[in-house]
Amino acid sequence: MEDMLRLAANYGFPMVVAGYLLVRLEPVIKELQKSITSLTVVVAVSEIINGR
């Protein structure tokens, strides 16, 4: 907790919050990337099967 306060004092509150959110949301972003890649493959295969 003391480290967070020191970071906020040195770099500013918005920068600390942005860094914290990036660290917390990184796994979610990676899962979304996997889902989008899978969906792209499914759509491509579907278009091939349907002849479009």
C-alpha atoms as a PDB file:
ATOM      1  CA  MET A   1       0.000   0.000   0.000  1.00  0.00           C
ATOM      2  CA  GLU A   2       2.862   2.343   0.781  1.00  0.00           C
ATOM      3  CA  ASP A   3       4.282   1.691  -2.674  1.00  0.00           C
ATOM      4  CA  MET A   4       1.008   2.741  -4.278  1.00  0.00           C
ATOM      5  CA  LEU A   5       0.988   5.996  -2.321  1.00  0.00           C
ATOM      6  CA  ARG A   6       4.582   6.724  -3.296  1.00  0.00           C
ATOM      7  CA  LEU A   7       3.800   6.049  -6.961  1.00  0.00           C
ATOM      8  CA  ALA A   8       0.774   8.334  -6.788  1.00  0.00           C
ATOM      9  CA  ALA A   9       2.877  11.080  -5.234  1.00  0.00           C
ATOM     10  CA  ASN A  10       5.637  10.743  -7.829  1.00  0.00           C
ATOM     11  CA  TYR A  11       3.670  10.119 -11.029  1.00  0.00           C
ATOM     12  CA  GLY A  12       0.209  11.373 -10.354  1.00  0.00           C
ATOM     13  CA  PHE A  13      -3.013   9.643  -9.518  1.00  0.00           C
ATOM     14  CA  PRO A  14      -4.323   9.176 -13.092  1.00  0.00           C
ATOM     15  CA  MET A  15      -1.145   7.456 -14.214  1.00  0.00           C
ATOM     16  CA  VAL A  16      -1.205   5.070 -11.246  1.00  0.00           C
ATOM     17  CA  VAL A  17      -4.873   4.210 -11.850  1.00  0.00           C
ATOM     18  CA  ALA A  18      -4.236   3.606 -15.557  1.00  0.00           C
ATOM     19  CA  GLY A  19      -1.308   1.308 -14.772  1.00  0.00           C
ATOM     20  CA  TYR A  20      -3.339  -0.598 -12.187  1.00  0.00           C
ATOM     21  CA  LEU A  21      -6.222  -1.101 -14.608  1.00  0.00           C
ATOM     22  CA  LEU A  22      -3.899  -2.287 -17.366  1.00  0.00           C
ATOM     23  CA  VAL A  23      -2.388  -4.885 -15.058  1.00  0.00           C
ATOM     24  CA  ARG A  24      -5.796  -6.043 -13.840  1.00  0.00           C
ATOM     25  CA  LEU A  25      -7.423  -6.156 -17.293  1.00  0.00           C
ATOM     26  CA  GLU A  26      -4.555  -7.821 -19.174  1.00  0.00           C
ATOM     27  CA  PRO A  27      -5.928 -11.385 -18.727  1.00  0.00           C
ATOM     28  CA  VAL A  28      -9.365 -10.253 -19.877  1.00  0.00           C
ATOM     29  CA  ILE A  29      -7.882  -8.569 -22.958  1.00  0.00           C
ATOM     30  CA  LYS A  30      -5.936 -11.732 -23.832  1.00  0.00           C
ATOM     31  CA  GLU A  31      -9.084 -13.862 -23.564  1.00  0.00           C
ATOM     32  CA  LEU A  32     -10.987 -11.429 -25.777  1.00  0.00           C
ATOM     33  CA  GLN A  33      -8.183 -11.624 -28.335  1.00  0.00           C
ATOM     34  CA  LYS A  34      -8.422 -15.440 -28.364  1.00  0.00           C
ATOM     35  CA  SER A  35     -12.209 -15.254 -28.779  1.00  0.00           C
ATOM     36  CA  ILE A  36     -11.959 -12.800 -31.668  1.00  0.00           C
ATOM     37  CA  THR A  37      -9.369 -14.999 -33.401  1.00  0.00           C
ATOM     38  CA  SER A  38     -11.580 -18.070 -32.992  1.00  0.00           C
ATOM     39  CA  LEU A  39     -14.605 -16.194 -34.275  1.00  0.00           C
ATOM     40  CA  THR A  40     -12.641 -15.040 -37.333  1.00  0.00           C
ATOM     41  CA  VAL A  41     -11.790 -18.649 -38.159  1.00  0.00           C
ATOM     42  CA  VAL A  42     -15.396 -19.764 -37.706  1.00  0.00           C
ATOM     43  CA  VAL A  43     -16.686 -17.004 -39.989  1.00  0.00           C
ATOM     44  CA  ALA A  44     -14.073 -17.798 -42.643  1.00  0.00           C
ATOM     45  CA  VAL A  45     -14.944 -21.512 -42.603  1.00  0.00           C
ATOM     46  CA  SER A  46     -18.641 -20.689 -42.703  1.00  0.00           C
ATOM     47  CA  GLU A  47     -18.150 -18.499 -45.763  1.00  0.00           C
ATOM     48  CA  ILE A  48     -16.187 -21.259 -47.497  1.00  0.00           C
ATOM     49  CA  ILE A  49     -18.896 -23.819 -46.754  1.00  0.00           C
ATOM     50  CA  ASN A  50     -21.690 -21.520 -47.919  1.00  0.00           C
ATOM     51  CA  GLY A  51     -19.790 -20.574 -51.074  1.00  0.00           C
ATOM     52  CA  ARG A  52     -19.580 -16.851 -50.530  1.00  0.00           C
END
